[in-house]
Amino acid sequence: MALSLEHEQELRKVFDDYDEDGTGDIDAEELGKIAEDLGEPLSKEELEYLIMEFDADGSGTIDWEEFIAWWKVPF
């Protein structure tokens, strides 16, 4: 699914806002805050599963490219 430039820019702001430690990656705790704020709180197991599914480089976190890929997956 293609994202409009405007939507991608909005997602970049979300990513940067939730990257609380400024590492350029979203960890499980930060991902949990995103899900909770979207009204879909996730269990620790669900968060670990999402990290595993979208962490293409095996770092244990979600970087910008992995994050944007997640938003492009149709649910």
C-alpha atoms as a PDB file:
ATOM      1  CA  MET A   1       0.000   0.000   0.000  1.00  0.00           C
ATOM      2  CA  ALA A   2       1.420   3.366  -0.980  1.00  0.00           C
ATOM      3  CA  LEU A   3       1.326   6.213   1.490  1.00  0.00           C
ATOM      4  CA  SER A   4       0.869   9.822   0.507  1.00  0.00           C
ATOM      5  CA  LEU A   5       3.754  12.155   1.261  1.00  0.00           C
ATOM      6  CA  GLU A   6       1.558  13.922   3.813  1.00  0.00           C
ATOM      7  CA  HIS A   7       0.709  10.659   5.589  1.00  0.00           C
ATOM      8  CA  GLU A   8       4.354   9.590   5.591  1.00  0.00           C
ATOM      9  CA  GLN A   9       5.344  12.952   7.106  1.00  0.00           C
ATOM     10  CA  GLU A  10       2.694  12.525   9.816  1.00  0.00           C
ATOM     11  CA  LEU A  11       4.011   9.048  10.562  1.00  0.00           C
ATOM     12  CA  ARG A  12       7.567  10.397  10.762  1.00  0.00           C
ATOM     13  CA  LYS A  13       6.416  12.878  13.403  1.00  0.00           C
ATOM     14  CA  VAL A  14       4.746  10.053  15.345  1.00  0.00           C
ATOM     15  CA  PHE A  15       7.915   7.958  15.085  1.00  0.00           C
ATOM     16  CA  ASP A  16      10.115  10.828  16.277  1.00  0.00           C
ATOM     17  CA  ASP A  17       7.710  11.757  19.095  1.00  0.00           C
ATOM     18  CA  TYR A  18       7.669   8.199  20.465  1.00  0.00           C
ATOM     19  CA  ASP A  19      11.413   7.669  20.039  1.00  0.00           C
ATOM     20  CA  GLU A  20      11.777   9.086  23.529  1.00  0.00           C
ATOM     21  CA  ASP A  21      15.444   8.235  23.939  1.00  0.00           C
ATOM     22  CA  GLY A  22      16.376   9.682  20.537  1.00  0.00           C
ATOM     23  CA  THR A  23      18.111   6.542  19.280  1.00  0.00           C
ATOM     24  CA  GLY A  24      16.345   6.499  15.914  1.00  0.00           C
ATOM     25  CA  ASP A  25      14.655   3.240  16.898  1.00  0.00           C
ATOM     26  CA  ILE A  26      11.403   2.303  18.611  1.00  0.00           C
ATOM     27  CA  ASP A  27      11.793  -0.341  21.298  1.00  0.00           C
ATOM     28  CA  ALA A  28       9.026  -2.556  22.688  1.00  0.00           C
ATOM     29  CA  GLU A  29       8.167  -0.077  25.454  1.00  0.00           C
ATOM     30  CA  GLU A  30       7.877   2.819  23.003  1.00  0.00           C
ATOM     31  CA  LEU A  31       5.859   0.663  20.589  1.00  0.00           C
ATOM     32  CA  GLY A  32       3.551  -0.208  23.465  1.00  0.00           C
ATOM     33  CA  LYS A  33       2.922   3.481  24.107  1.00  0.00           C
ATOM     34  CA  ILE A  34       1.996   4.012  20.462  1.00  0.00           C
ATOM     35  CA  ALA A  35      -0.472   1.113  20.555  1.00  0.00           C
ATOM     36  CA  GLU A  36      -1.950   2.266  23.858  1.00  0.00           C
ATOM     37  CA  ASP A  37      -2.383   5.828  22.615  1.00  0.00           C
ATOM     38  CA  LEU A  38      -4.123   4.452  19.504  1.00  0.00           C
ATOM     39  CA  GLY A  39      -6.588   2.688  21.821  1.00  0.00           C
ATOM     40  CA  GLU A  40      -5.168  -0.782  21.173  1.00  0.00           C
ATOM     41  CA  PRO A  41      -3.071  -1.722  24.205  1.00  0.00           C
ATOM     42  CA  LEU A  42      -0.915  -4.772  23.523  1.00  0.00           C
ATOM     43  CA  SER A  43       0.446  -7.403  25.856  1.00  0.00           C
ATOM     44  CA  LYS A  44       4.184  -7.912  26.279  1.00  0.00           C
ATOM     45  CA  GLU A  45       3.901 -11.023  24.120  1.00  0.00           C
ATOM     46  CA  GLU A  46       2.085  -9.133  21.353  1.00  0.00           C
ATOM     47  CA  LEU A  47       4.716  -6.391  21.399  1.00  0.00           C
ATOM     48  CA  GLU A  48       7.526  -8.939  21.224  1.00  0.00           C
ATOM     49  CA  TYR A  49       5.771 -10.609  18.295  1.00  0.00           C
ATOM     50  CA  LEU A  50       5.426  -7.302  16.420  1.00  0.00           C
ATOM     51  CA  ILE A  51       9.080  -6.476  17.006  1.00  0.00           C
ATOM     52  CA  MET A  52      10.064  -9.924  15.744  1.00  0.00           C
ATOM     53  CA  GLU A  53       7.821  -9.621  12.660  1.00  0.00           C
ATOM     54  CA  PHE A  54       8.996  -6.176  11.554  1.00  0.00           C
ATOM     55  CA  ASP A  55      12.578  -6.063  12.841  1.00  0.00           C
ATOM     56  CA  ALA A  56      14.213  -6.889   9.502  1.00  0.00           C
ATOM     57  CA  ASP A  57      17.769  -6.259  10.704  1.00  0.00           C
ATOM     58  CA  GLY A  58      17.462  -8.286  13.939  1.00  0.00           C
ATOM     59  CA  SER A  59      18.351  -5.350  16.186  1.00  0.00           C
ATOM     60  CA  GLY A  60      15.477  -5.953  18.607  1.00  0.00           C
ATOM     61  CA  THR A  61      14.011  -2.546  17.784  1.00  0.00           C
ATOM     62  CA  ILE A  62      12.055  -0.944  14.947  1.00  0.00           C
ATOM     63  CA  ASP A  63      13.887   1.689  12.902  1.00  0.00           C
ATOM     64  CA  TRP A  64      12.178   4.191  10.604  1.00  0.00           C
ATOM     65  CA  GLU A  65      12.264   1.940   7.519  1.00  0.00           C
ATOM     66  CA  GLU A  66      10.813  -0.968   9.487  1.00  0.00           C
ATOM     67  CA  PHE A  67       8.183   1.297  11.072  1.00  0.00           C
ATOM     68  CA  ILE A  68       6.999   2.663   7.741  1.00  0.00           C
ATOM     69  CA  ALA A  69       6.885  -0.876   6.305  1.00  0.00           C
ATOM     70  CA  TRP A  70       4.582  -1.836   9.204  1.00  0.00           C
ATOM     71  CA  TRP A  71       2.142   0.939   8.247  1.00  0.00           C
ATOM     72  CA  LYS A  72       2.105  -0.230   4.640  1.00  0.00           C
ATOM     73  CA  VAL A  73       0.881  -3.730   5.547  1.00  0.00           C
ATOM     74  CA  PRO A  74      -2.870  -4.059   4.939  1.00  0.00           C
ATOM     75  CA  PHE A  75      -4.736  -5.285   8.018  1.00  0.00           C
END
